Amino acid sequence: MAKEAFNVYKSVYENAVENFSRTEKRYRVQKASELDYTRAKTNVANAIPNVYNAESSVILALWQLKAVMGVDLDKEIDVAGKLEDYADHMFFDIHENDDPDLSGNSSLRQLAIQAEQLSKTIKMQKYASLPSLALNFAYSYNAMTDDFKFSQYHWTPYSFVGLSLNIPIFSGGQRDHAIKQSQVQAAELDRQRINTERQLRIGIRQNLQTMETAMRSCDAAKDALASAEKAYDIAAKSYEVGRSTLTDLNDAQLMLTQARLSVSQAIYNFVVAKATLEQTLGYDFLDESGNVDLEKR
């Protein structure tokens, strides 16, 4: 998105320079007023900070990407492709995901693991109230002397077998209290799971709605961009032959800039919502061999 904004503002700057050149030529032959000349020169000056700001945004975005990837910030990297490449994958029936599978969601999987651990804890606490029977057996063969003549040692065998029965009789209600406390925690965890799943499904619907809105906005923005490009070409040619004013040309340039940014913003909103949806559904983009497969959907 930062690169697209940079390209747009760079194009605005180039158009401003070209328009200033036209105005300067007309001004020299007294076909343009000093006001038009000053406005055209001001447009060039106003376009420069936007280019610098957009370029700075690209550098900052790359720094953030390096930080996420664990790459040294001084290492030169770049991002292949452009935002418009994602537009080819935007348009599809999003209602296919109306009933998504949340089994891969990390939050729900963590809650499931906690519930399983708590269930085993309750089972162990219940087993603590049952009688326990223990069987012990030991066998040893000993000898004592101060030399290493093993054949002359007097070996003495020793062994025993023990059987013990432990019957819990009274614990002051401590075990029952621990079981009830764990059961309450299990119930709270189940309510937390239900609420988490509900919030996730709300988030999924919100992402799908954002994606659908972005698709519609992209269609409308592309139509507006085509009209804005045509209007700017007409205004530029009309200004060159003296049939329109610099103000008309500036208005056409503003509409063109807004249209280009609107297209990029719609695609960007779709990509962000789609990435958030994939994160919610727990997509890991790994094939059967554990390698990254970005085409996996």
C-alpha atoms as a PDB file:
ATOM      1  CA  MET A   1       0.000   0.000   0.000  1.00  0.00           C
ATOM      2  CA  ALA A   2       2.881   2.348   0.803  1.00  0.00           C
ATOM      3  CA  LYS A   3       4.409   1.631  -2.598  1.00  0.00           C
ATOM      4  CA  GLU A   4       1.128   2.301  -4.381  1.00  0.00           C
ATOM      5  CA  ALA A   5       0.750   5.613  -2.553  1.00  0.00           C
ATOM      6  CA  PHE A   6       4.329   6.510  -3.496  1.00  0.00           C
ATOM      7  CA  ASN A   7       3.641   5.732  -7.169  1.00  0.00           C
ATOM      8  CA  VAL A   8       0.481   7.842  -7.112  1.00  0.00           C
ATOM      9  CA  TYR A   9       2.142  10.875  -5.533  1.00  0.00           C
ATOM     10  CA  LYS A  10       5.139  10.465  -7.812  1.00  0.00           C
ATOM     11  CA  SER A  11       2.770  10.537 -10.773  1.00  0.00           C
ATOM     12  CA  VAL A  12       1.111  13.662  -9.351  1.00  0.00           C
ATOM     13  CA  TYR A  13       4.530  15.307  -9.077  1.00  0.00           C
ATOM     14  CA  GLU A  14       5.437  14.369 -12.644  1.00  0.00           C
ATOM     15  CA  ASN A  15       2.118  15.737 -13.909  1.00  0.00           C
ATOM     16  CA  ALA A  16       2.664  18.936 -11.925  1.00  0.00           C
ATOM     17  CA  VAL A  17       6.115  19.366 -13.471  1.00  0.00           C
ATOM     18  CA  GLU A  18       4.713  18.753 -16.945  1.00  0.00           C
ATOM     19  CA  ASN A  19       1.871  21.218 -16.377  1.00  0.00           C
ATOM     20  CA  PHE A  20       4.310  23.806 -15.059  1.00  0.00           C
ATOM     21  CA  SER A  21       6.395  23.368 -18.202  1.00  0.00           C
ATOM     22  CA  ARG A  22       3.328  23.964 -20.356  1.00  0.00           C
ATOM     23  CA  THR A  23       2.299  26.966 -18.311  1.00  0.00           C
ATOM     24  CA  GLU A  24       5.798  28.415 -18.388  1.00  0.00           C
ATOM     25  CA  LYS A  25       5.897  28.185 -22.197  1.00  0.00           C
ATOM     26  CA  ARG A  26       2.497  29.859 -22.469  1.00  0.00           C
ATOM     27  CA  TYR A  27       3.512  32.493 -19.947  1.00  0.00           C
ATOM     28  CA  ARG A  28       6.598  33.396 -21.946  1.00  0.00           C
ATOM     29  CA  VAL A  29       4.490  34.077 -25.040  1.00  0.00           C
ATOM     30  CA  GLN A  30       1.916  35.919 -22.911  1.00  0.00           C
ATOM     31  CA  LYS A  31      -0.811  33.286 -23.383  1.00  0.00           C
ATOM     32  CA  ALA A  32      -1.006  32.512 -19.662  1.00  0.00           C
ATOM     33  CA  SER A  33      -1.392  34.890 -16.775  1.00  0.00           C
ATOM     34  CA  GLU A  34       1.107  35.322 -14.001  1.00  0.00           C
ATOM     35  CA  LEU A  35      -1.491  33.842 -11.660  1.00  0.00           C
ATOM     36  CA  ASP A  36      -1.566  30.590 -13.671  1.00  0.00           C
ATOM     37  CA  TYR A  37       2.228  30.556 -13.753  1.00  0.00           C
ATOM     38  CA  THR A  38       2.404  31.015  -9.977  1.00  0.00           C
ATOM     39  CA  ARG A  39      -0.253  28.348  -9.356  1.00  0.00           C
ATOM     40  CA  ALA A  40       1.541  25.825 -11.553  1.00  0.00           C
ATOM     41  CA  LYS A  41       4.809  26.517  -9.758  1.00  0.00           C
ATOM     42  CA  THR A  42       3.051  26.152  -6.390  1.00  0.00           C
ATOM     43  CA  ASN A  43       1.552  22.821  -7.459  1.00  0.00           C
ATOM     44  CA  VAL A  44       5.060  21.476  -8.101  1.00  0.00           C
ATOM     45  CA  ALA A  45       6.242  22.669  -4.695  1.00  0.00           C
ATOM     46  CA  ASN A  46       3.186  21.164  -2.967  1.00  0.00           C
ATOM     47  CA  ALA A  47       3.677  17.793  -4.669  1.00  0.00           C
ATOM     48  CA  ILE A  48       7.257  17.356  -3.440  1.00  0.00           C
ATOM     49  CA  PRO A  49       6.470  16.806   0.309  1.00  0.00           C
ATOM     50  CA  ASN A  50       3.865  14.167  -0.560  1.00  0.00           C
ATOM     51  CA  VAL A  51       6.478  12.241  -2.553  1.00  0.00           C
ATOM     52  CA  TYR A  52       8.963  12.421   0.318  1.00  0.00           C
ATOM     53  CA  ASN A  53       6.336  11.323   2.862  1.00  0.00           C
ATOM     54  CA  ALA A  54       5.242   8.422   0.672  1.00  0.00           C
ATOM     55  CA  GLU A  55       8.849   7.336   0.162  1.00  0.00           C
ATOM     56  CA  SER A  56       9.410   7.482   3.924  1.00  0.00           C
ATOM     57  CA  SER A  57       6.337   5.278   4.448  1.00  0.00           C
ATOM     58  CA  VAL A  58       7.820   2.656   2.115  1.00  0.00           C
ATOM     59  CA  ILE A  59      11.098   2.659   4.055  1.00  0.00           C
ATOM     60  CA  LEU A  60       9.251   2.383   7.386  1.00  0.00           C
ATOM     61  CA  ALA A  61       7.109  -0.490   6.093  1.00  0.00           C
ATOM     62  CA  LEU A  62      10.231  -2.359   4.983  1.00  0.00           C
ATOM     63  CA  TRP A  63      11.809  -1.805   8.398  1.00  0.00           C
ATOM     64  CA  GLN A  64       8.731  -3.279  10.055  1.00  0.00           C
ATOM     65  CA  LEU A  65       8.857  -6.242   7.689  1.00  0.00           C
ATOM     66  CA  LYS A  66      12.520  -6.831   8.513  1.00  0.00           C
ATOM     67  CA  ALA A  67      11.736  -6.707  12.229  1.00  0.00           C
ATOM     68  CA  VAL A  68       8.965  -9.300  11.839  1.00  0.00           C
ATOM     69  CA  MET A  69      11.204 -11.568   9.746  1.00  0.00           C
ATOM     70  CA  GLY A  70      14.162 -11.179  12.092  1.00  0.00           C
ATOM     71  CA  VAL A  71      16.299  -9.649   9.340  1.00  0.00           C
ATOM     72  CA  ASP A  72      18.978  -7.057  10.057  1.00  0.00           C
ATOM     73  CA  LEU A  73      17.513  -3.587   9.533  1.00  0.00           C
ATOM     74  CA  ASP A  74      20.482  -2.539   7.393  1.00  0.00           C
ATOM     75  CA  LYS A  75      20.025  -5.455   4.984  1.00  0.00           C
ATOM     76  CA  GLU A  76      18.641  -4.444   1.599  1.00  0.00           C
ATOM     77  CA  ILE A  77      15.395  -6.264   0.790  1.00  0.00           C
ATOM     78  CA  ASP A  78      12.382  -5.508  -1.376  1.00  0.00           C
ATOM     79  CA  VAL A  79       8.899  -6.852  -1.936  1.00  0.00           C
ATOM     80  CA  ALA A  80       8.131  -8.474  -5.257  1.00  0.00           C
ATOM     81  CA  GLY A  81       5.000  -7.596  -7.172  1.00  0.00           C
ATOM     82  CA  LYS A  82       2.514  -4.867  -6.429  1.00  0.00           C
ATOM     83  CA  LEU A  83      -0.765  -4.452  -4.630  1.00  0.00           C
ATOM     84  CA  GLU A  84      -2.781  -4.622  -7.839  1.00  0.00           C
ATOM     85  CA  ASP A  85      -1.637  -8.234  -8.338  1.00  0.00           C
ATOM     86  CA  TYR A  86      -3.990  -9.251  -5.504  1.00  0.00           C
ATOM     87  CA  ALA A  87      -6.961  -7.829  -7.395  1.00  0.00           C
ATOM     88  CA  ASP A  88      -7.027 -10.933  -9.611  1.00  0.00           C
ATOM     89  CA  HIS A  89      -7.859 -13.073  -6.548  1.00  0.00           C
ATOM     90  CA  MET A  90     -10.395 -10.715  -4.993  1.00  0.00           C
ATOM     91  CA  PHE A  91     -13.589 -11.680  -6.710  1.00  0.00           C
ATOM     92  CA  PHE A  92     -15.142 -14.939  -5.569  1.00  0.00           C
ATOM     93  CA  ASP A  93     -18.198 -16.109  -3.680  1.00  0.00           C
ATOM     94  CA  ILE A  94     -17.372 -15.294  -0.065  1.00  0.00           C
ATOM     95  CA  HIS A  95     -20.620 -16.917   1.119  1.00  0.00           C
ATOM     96  CA  GLU A  96     -18.886 -20.276   0.790  1.00  0.00           C
ATOM     97  CA  ASN A  97     -17.335 -19.446   4.187  1.00  0.00           C
ATOM     98  CA  ASP A  98     -20.640 -18.700   5.953  1.00  0.00           C
ATOM     99  CA  ASP A  99     -20.129 -21.774   8.172  1.00  0.00           C
ATOM    100  CA  PRO A 100     -16.351 -21.850   8.673  1.00  0.00           C
ATOM    101  CA  ASP A 101     -14.429 -24.542  10.496  1.00  0.00           C
ATOM    102  CA  LEU A 102     -12.791 -23.155  13.652  1.00  0.00           C
ATOM    103  CA  SER A 103     -10.943 -26.338  14.568  1.00  0.00           C
ATOM    104  CA  GLY A 104      -7.638 -24.765  13.530  1.00  0.00           C
ATOM    105  CA  ASN A 105      -8.046 -21.608  15.616  1.00  0.00           C
ATOM    106  CA  SER A 106      -5.186 -21.282  18.095  1.00  0.00           C
ATOM    107  CA  SER A 107      -7.310 -19.755  20.881  1.00  0.00           C
ATOM    108  CA  LEU A 108      -9.898 -22.553  20.772  1.00  0.00           C
ATOM    109  CA  ARG A 109      -7.159 -25.190  20.610  1.00  0.00           C
ATOM    110  CA  GLN A 110      -5.520 -23.730  23.711  1.00  0.00           C
ATOM    111  CA  LEU A 111      -8.842 -23.766  25.542  1.00  0.00           C
ATOM    112  CA  ALA A 112      -9.386 -27.387  24.470  1.00  0.00           C
ATOM    113  CA  ILE A 113      -5.978 -28.360  25.863  1.00  0.00           C
ATOM    114  CA  GLN A 114      -6.720 -26.581  29.136  1.00  0.00           C
ATOM    115  CA  ALA A 115     -10.093 -28.348  29.373  1.00  0.00           C
ATOM    116  CA  GLU A 116      -8.439 -31.716  28.796  1.00  0.00           C
ATOM    117  CA  GLN A 117      -5.820 -31.026  31.475  1.00  0.00           C
ATOM    118  CA  LEU A 118      -8.507 -29.933  33.926  1.00  0.00           C
ATOM    119  CA  SER A 119     -10.551 -33.066  33.202  1.00  0.00           C
ATOM    120  CA  LYS A 120      -7.551 -35.248  34.024  1.00  0.00           C
ATOM    121  CA  THR A 121      -6.965 -33.245  37.206  1.00  0.00           C
ATOM    122  CA  ILE A 122     -10.549 -33.899  38.350  1.00  0.00           C
ATOM    123  CA  LYS A 123     -10.155 -37.590  37.574  1.00  0.00           C
ATOM    124  CA  MET A 124      -6.964 -37.769  39.639  1.00  0.00           C
ATOM    125  CA  GLN A 125      -8.623 -35.928  42.519  1.00  0.00           C
ATOM    126  CA  LYS A 126     -11.464 -38.451  42.500  1.00  0.00           C
ATOM    127  CA  TYR A 127      -9.019 -41.358  42.443  1.00  0.00           C
ATOM    128  CA  ALA A 128      -7.429 -39.938  45.602  1.00  0.00           C
ATOM    129  CA  SER A 129     -10.534 -41.029  47.554  1.00  0.00           C
ATOM    130  CA  LEU A 130     -10.182 -44.664  46.508  1.00  0.00           C
ATOM    131  CA  PRO A 131      -8.273 -47.264  48.558  1.00  0.00           C
ATOM    132  CA  SER A 132      -4.802 -48.002  47.267  1.00  0.00           C
ATOM    133  CA  LEU A 133      -2.939 -51.310  47.430  1.00  0.00           C
ATOM    134  CA  ALA A 134       0.870 -51.335  47.134  1.00  0.00           C
ATOM    135  CA  LEU A 135       3.144 -54.337  46.678  1.00  0.00           C
ATOM    136  CA  ASN A 136       6.858 -54.053  47.467  1.00  0.00           C
ATOM    137  CA  PHE A 137       9.579 -56.595  46.805  1.00  0.00           C
ATOM    138  CA  ALA A 138      13.350 -56.427  47.366  1.00  0.00           C
ATOM    139  CA  TYR A 139      16.168 -58.956  47.054  1.00  0.00           C
ATOM    140  CA  SER A 140      19.861 -58.457  47.883  1.00  0.00           C
ATOM    141  CA  TYR A 141      22.972 -60.602  48.149  1.00  0.00           C
ATOM    142  CA  ASN A 142      25.692 -59.248  50.461  1.00  0.00           C
ATOM    143  CA  ALA A 143      29.176 -60.106  51.667  1.00  0.00           C
ATOM    144  CA  MET A 144      31.708 -58.272  53.849  1.00  0.00           C
ATOM    145  CA  THR A 145      35.543 -58.618  53.694  1.00  0.00           C
ATOM    146  CA  ASP A 146      38.701 -56.536  53.294  1.00  0.00           C
ATOM    147  CA  ASP A 147      40.216 -58.301  50.281  1.00  0.00           C
ATOM    148  CA  PHE A 148      39.174 -59.087  46.732  1.00  0.00           C
ATOM    149  CA  LYS A 149      39.047 -62.894  46.940  1.00  0.00           C
ATOM    150  CA  PHE A 150      35.527 -63.223  45.700  1.00  0.00           C
ATOM    151  CA  SER A 151      35.572 -67.012  45.675  1.00  0.00           C
ATOM    152  CA  GLN A 152      36.138 -67.083  49.432  1.00  0.00           C
ATOM    153  CA  TYR A 153      33.423 -64.584  50.306  1.00  0.00           C
ATOM    154  CA  HIS A 154      30.593 -65.617  52.582  1.00  0.00           C
ATOM    155  CA  TRP A 155      27.524 -64.438  50.710  1.00  0.00           C
ATOM    156  CA  THR A 156      24.351 -63.721  52.641  1.00  0.00           C
ATOM    157  CA  PRO A 157      21.098 -63.411  50.713  1.00  0.00           C
ATOM    158  CA  TYR A 158      18.343 -61.129  51.958  1.00  0.00           C
ATOM    159  CA  SER A 159      14.862 -60.504  50.578  1.00  0.00           C
ATOM    160  CA  PHE A 160      11.461 -59.304  51.655  1.00  0.00           C
ATOM    161  CA  VAL A 161       7.944 -58.880  50.262  1.00  0.00           C
ATOM    162  CA  GLY A 162       5.581 -56.232  51.557  1.00  0.00           C
ATOM    163  CA  LEU A 163       1.914 -55.579  50.921  1.00  0.00           C
ATOM    164  CA  SER A 164       0.245 -52.375  52.134  1.00  0.00           C
ATOM    165  CA  LEU A 165      -3.365 -51.240  51.927  1.00  0.00           C
ATOM    166  CA  ASN A 166      -4.225 -47.544  52.288  1.00  0.00           C
ATOM    167  CA  ILE A 167      -7.885 -46.677  52.908  1.00  0.00           C
ATOM    168  CA  PRO A 168      -8.697 -42.932  52.999  1.00  0.00           C
ATOM    169  CA  ILE A 169     -11.201 -42.403  55.781  1.00  0.00           C
ATOM    170  CA  PHE A 170     -11.341 -38.712  56.599  1.00  0.00           C
ATOM    171  CA  SER A 171      -9.703 -35.674  55.046  1.00  0.00           C
ATOM    172  CA  GLY A 172     -11.865 -32.908  56.494  1.00  0.00           C
ATOM    173  CA  GLY A 173     -13.672 -32.370  53.200  1.00  0.00           C
ATOM    174  CA  GLN A 174     -10.464 -31.207  51.552  1.00  0.00           C
ATOM    175  CA  ARG A 175     -10.698 -33.635  48.643  1.00  0.00           C
ATOM    176  CA  ASP A 176     -14.353 -32.870  47.985  1.00  0.00           C
ATOM    177  CA  HIS A 177     -13.627 -29.163  48.055  1.00  0.00           C
ATOM    178  CA  ALA A 178     -10.764 -29.580  45.563  1.00  0.00           C
ATOM    179  CA  ILE A 179     -13.003 -31.593  43.216  1.00  0.00           C
ATOM    180  CA  LYS A 180     -15.798 -28.996  43.359  1.00  0.00           C
ATOM    181  CA  GLN A 181     -13.321 -26.187  42.786  1.00  0.00           C
ATOM    182  CA  SER A 182     -11.919 -27.933  39.718  1.00  0.00           C
ATOM    183  CA  GLN A 183     -15.442 -28.593  38.417  1.00  0.00           C
ATOM    184  CA  VAL A 184     -16.266 -24.900  38.783  1.00  0.00           C
ATOM    185  CA  GLN A 185     -13.108 -24.034  36.860  1.00  0.00           C
ATOM    186  CA  ALA A 186     -14.123 -26.499  34.144  1.00  0.00           C
ATOM    187  CA  ALA A 187     -17.557 -24.876  33.875  1.00  0.00           C
ATOM    188  CA  GLU A 188     -16.000 -21.412  33.658  1.00  0.00           C
ATOM    189  CA  LEU A 189     -13.595 -22.652  31.010  1.00  0.00           C
ATOM    190  CA  ASP A 190     -16.476 -24.057  28.969  1.00  0.00           C
ATOM    191  CA  ARG A 191     -18.318 -20.716  29.151  1.00  0.00           C
ATOM    192  CA  GLN A 192     -15.117 -18.989  28.104  1.00  0.00           C
ATOM    193  CA  ARG A 193     -14.848 -21.353  25.130  1.00  0.00           C
ATOM    194  CA  ILE A 194     -18.427 -20.637  24.077  1.00  0.00           C
ATOM    195  CA  ASN A 195     -17.902 -16.889  24.358  1.00  0.00           C
ATOM    196  CA  THR A 196     -14.586 -17.064  22.491  1.00  0.00           C
ATOM    197  CA  GLU A 197     -16.166 -19.064  19.679  1.00  0.00           C
ATOM    198  CA  ARG A 198     -19.033 -16.576  19.496  1.00  0.00           C
ATOM    199  CA  GLN A 199     -16.628 -13.637  19.265  1.00  0.00           C
ATOM    200  CA  LEU A 200     -14.574 -15.427  16.616  1.00  0.00           C
ATOM    201  CA  ARG A 201     -17.653 -16.047  14.487  1.00  0.00           C
ATOM    202  CA  ILE A 202     -18.579 -12.371  14.811  1.00  0.00           C
ATOM    203  CA  GLY A 203     -15.056 -11.478  13.687  1.00  0.00           C
ATOM    204  CA  ILE A 204     -15.325 -13.874  10.743  1.00  0.00           C
ATOM    205  CA  ARG A 205     -18.594 -12.303   9.601  1.00  0.00           C
ATOM    206  CA  GLN A 206     -17.051  -8.869   9.976  1.00  0.00           C
ATOM    207  CA  ASN A 207     -14.055  -9.898   7.858  1.00  0.00           C
ATOM    208  CA  LEU A 208     -16.306 -11.407   5.204  1.00  0.00           C
ATOM    209  CA  GLN A 209     -18.402  -8.242   5.170  1.00  0.00           C
ATOM    210  CA  THR A 210     -15.262  -6.128   4.817  1.00  0.00           C
ATOM    211  CA  MET A 211     -14.075  -8.312   1.944  1.00  0.00           C
ATOM    212  CA  GLU A 212     -17.421  -8.019   0.172  1.00  0.00           C
ATOM    213  CA  THR A 213     -17.446  -4.245   0.660  1.00  0.00           C
ATOM    214  CA  ALA A 214     -13.879  -4.038  -0.642  1.00  0.00           C
ATOM    215  CA  MET A 215     -14.825  -6.000  -3.775  1.00  0.00           C
ATOM    216  CA  ARG A 216     -17.728  -3.662  -4.502  1.00  0.00           C
ATOM    217  CA  SER A 217     -15.627  -0.598  -3.710  1.00  0.00           C
ATOM    218  CA  CYS A 218     -12.882  -1.828  -6.018  1.00  0.00           C
ATOM    219  CA  ASP A 219     -15.325  -2.199  -8.917  1.00  0.00           C
ATOM    220  CA  ALA A 220     -16.691   1.300  -8.355  1.00  0.00           C
ATOM    221  CA  ALA A 221     -13.212   2.755  -7.868  1.00  0.00           C
ATOM    222  CA  LYS A 222     -11.950   1.204 -11.111  1.00  0.00           C
ATOM    223  CA  ASP A 223     -14.857   2.745 -13.014  1.00  0.00           C
ATOM    224  CA  ALA A 224     -14.146   6.088 -11.357  1.00  0.00           C
ATOM    225  CA  LEU A 225     -10.439   5.736 -12.204  1.00  0.00           C
ATOM    226  CA  ALA A 226     -11.183   5.143 -15.876  1.00  0.00           C
ATOM    227  CA  SER A 227     -13.404   8.242 -15.952  1.00  0.00           C
ATOM    228  CA  ALA A 228     -10.853  10.302 -14.019  1.00  0.00           C
ATOM    229  CA  GLU A 229      -8.020   9.336 -16.381  1.00  0.00           C
ATOM    230  CA  LYS A 230     -10.144  10.297 -19.374  1.00  0.00           C
ATOM    231  CA  ALA A 231     -11.172  13.560 -17.726  1.00  0.00           C
ATOM    232  CA  TYR A 232      -7.564  14.439 -16.937  1.00  0.00           C
ATOM    233  CA  ASP A 233      -6.420  13.739 -20.493  1.00  0.00           C
ATOM    234  CA  ILE A 234      -9.207  15.958 -21.823  1.00  0.00           C
ATOM    235  CA  ALA A 235      -8.405  18.704 -19.330  1.00  0.00           C
ATOM    236  CA  ALA A 236      -4.673  18.540 -20.130  1.00  0.00           C
ATOM    237  CA  LYS A 237      -5.234  18.813 -23.868  1.00  0.00           C
ATOM    238  CA  SER A 238      -7.823  21.551 -23.402  1.00  0.00           C
ATOM    239  CA  TYR A 239      -5.435  23.523 -21.212  1.00  0.00           C
ATOM    240  CA  GLU A 240      -2.644  23.078 -23.726  1.00  0.00           C
ATOM    241  CA  VAL A 241      -4.722  24.703 -26.469  1.00  0.00           C
ATOM    242  CA  GLY A 242      -6.100  27.342 -24.106  1.00  0.00           C
ATOM    243  CA  ARG A 243      -9.695  26.079 -23.886  1.00  0.00           C
ATOM    244  CA  SER A 244      -9.628  25.408 -20.135  1.00  0.00           C
ATOM    245  CA  THR A 245      -8.019  26.958 -17.089  1.00  0.00           C
ATOM    246  CA  LEU A 246      -5.327  25.657 -14.765  1.00  0.00           C
ATOM    247  CA  THR A 247      -7.993  25.316 -12.096  1.00  0.00           C
ATOM    248  CA  ASP A 248      -9.880  22.837 -14.272  1.00  0.00           C
ATOM    249  CA  LEU A 249      -6.671  20.883 -14.791  1.00  0.00           C
ATOM    250  CA  ASN A 250      -5.939  20.855 -11.056  1.00  0.00           C
ATOM    251  CA  ASP A 251      -9.469  19.618 -10.314  1.00  0.00           C
ATOM    252  CA  ALA A 252      -9.008  16.798 -12.823  1.00  0.00           C
ATOM    253  CA  GLN A 253      -5.643  15.928 -11.249  1.00  0.00           C
ATOM    254  CA  LEU A 254      -7.219  15.823  -7.781  1.00  0.00           C
ATOM    255  CA  MET A 255     -10.009  13.495  -8.948  1.00  0.00           C
ATOM    256  CA  LEU A 256      -7.446  11.256 -10.644  1.00  0.00           C
ATOM    257  CA  THR A 257      -5.333  11.072  -7.491  1.00  0.00           C
ATOM    258  CA  GLN A 258      -8.338  10.240  -5.322  1.00  0.00           C
ATOM    259  CA  ALA A 259      -9.484   7.554  -7.772  1.00  0.00           C
ATOM    260  CA  ARG A 260      -6.070   5.853  -7.847  1.00  0.00           C
ATOM    261  CA  LEU A 261      -5.804   5.873  -4.064  1.00  0.00           C
ATOM    262  CA  SER A 262      -9.379   4.546  -3.762  1.00  0.00           C
ATOM    263  CA  VAL A 263      -8.545   1.523  -5.917  1.00  0.00           C
ATOM    264  CA  SER A 264      -5.423   0.766  -3.896  1.00  0.00           C
ATOM    265  CA  GLN A 265      -7.258   1.269  -0.602  1.00  0.00           C
ATOM    266  CA  ALA A 266     -10.043  -1.128  -1.620  1.00  0.00           C
ATOM    267  CA  ILE A 267      -7.534  -3.841  -2.559  1.00  0.00           C
ATOM    268  CA  TYR A 268      -5.564  -3.217   0.640  1.00  0.00           C
ATOM    269  CA  ASN A 269      -8.701  -3.488   2.797  1.00  0.00           C
ATOM    270  CA  PHE A 270      -9.559  -6.784   1.118  1.00  0.00           C
ATOM    271  CA  VAL A 271      -6.065  -8.214   1.656  1.00  0.00           C
ATOM    272  CA  VAL A 272      -6.004  -7.194   5.330  1.00  0.00           C
ATOM    273  CA  ALA A 273      -9.466  -8.650   5.994  1.00  0.00           C
ATOM    274  CA  LYS A 274      -8.531 -11.869   4.177  1.00  0.00           C
ATOM    275  CA  ALA A 275      -5.295 -12.202   6.168  1.00  0.00           C
ATOM    276  CA  THR A 276      -7.209 -11.669   9.423  1.00  0.00           C
ATOM    277  CA  LEU A 277      -9.753 -14.285   8.363  1.00  0.00           C
ATOM    278  CA  GLU A 278      -6.995 -16.797   7.566  1.00  0.00           C
ATOM    279  CA  GLN A 279      -5.422 -16.136  10.959  1.00  0.00           C
ATOM    280  CA  THR A 280      -8.769 -16.706  12.693  1.00  0.00           C
ATOM    281  CA  LEU A 281      -9.326 -19.972  10.838  1.00  0.00           C
ATOM    282  CA  GLY A 282      -5.803 -21.119  11.696  1.00  0.00           C
ATOM    283  CA  TYR A 283      -4.354 -21.411   8.187  1.00  0.00           C
ATOM    284  CA  ASP A 284      -0.672 -22.378   8.433  1.00  0.00           C
ATOM    285  CA  PHE A 285       0.141 -22.600   4.695  1.00  0.00           C
ATOM    286  CA  LEU A 286       2.187 -25.750   5.159  1.00  0.00           C
ATOM    287  CA  ASP A 287       2.098 -28.762   2.874  1.00  0.00           C
ATOM    288  CA  GLU A 288       2.383 -32.383   3.951  1.00  0.00           C
ATOM    289  CA  SER A 289       6.192 -32.124   4.013  1.00  0.00           C
ATOM    290  CA  GLY A 290       6.130 -29.082   6.289  1.00  0.00           C
ATOM    291  CA  ASN A 291       7.198 -26.660   3.548  1.00  0.00           C
ATOM    292  CA  VAL A 292       5.531 -23.282   3.077  1.00  0.00           C
ATOM    293  CA  ASP A 293       2.859 -23.323   0.381  1.00  0.00           C
ATOM    294  CA  LEU A 294       1.391 -19.869  -0.161  1.00  0.00           C
ATOM    295  CA  GLU A 295      -1.127 -21.210  -2.675  1.00  0.00           C
ATOM    296  CA  LYS A 296      -2.808 -23.340  -0.012  1.00  0.00           C
ATOM    297  CA  ARG A 297      -6.255 -22.029   0.806  1.00  0.00           C
END
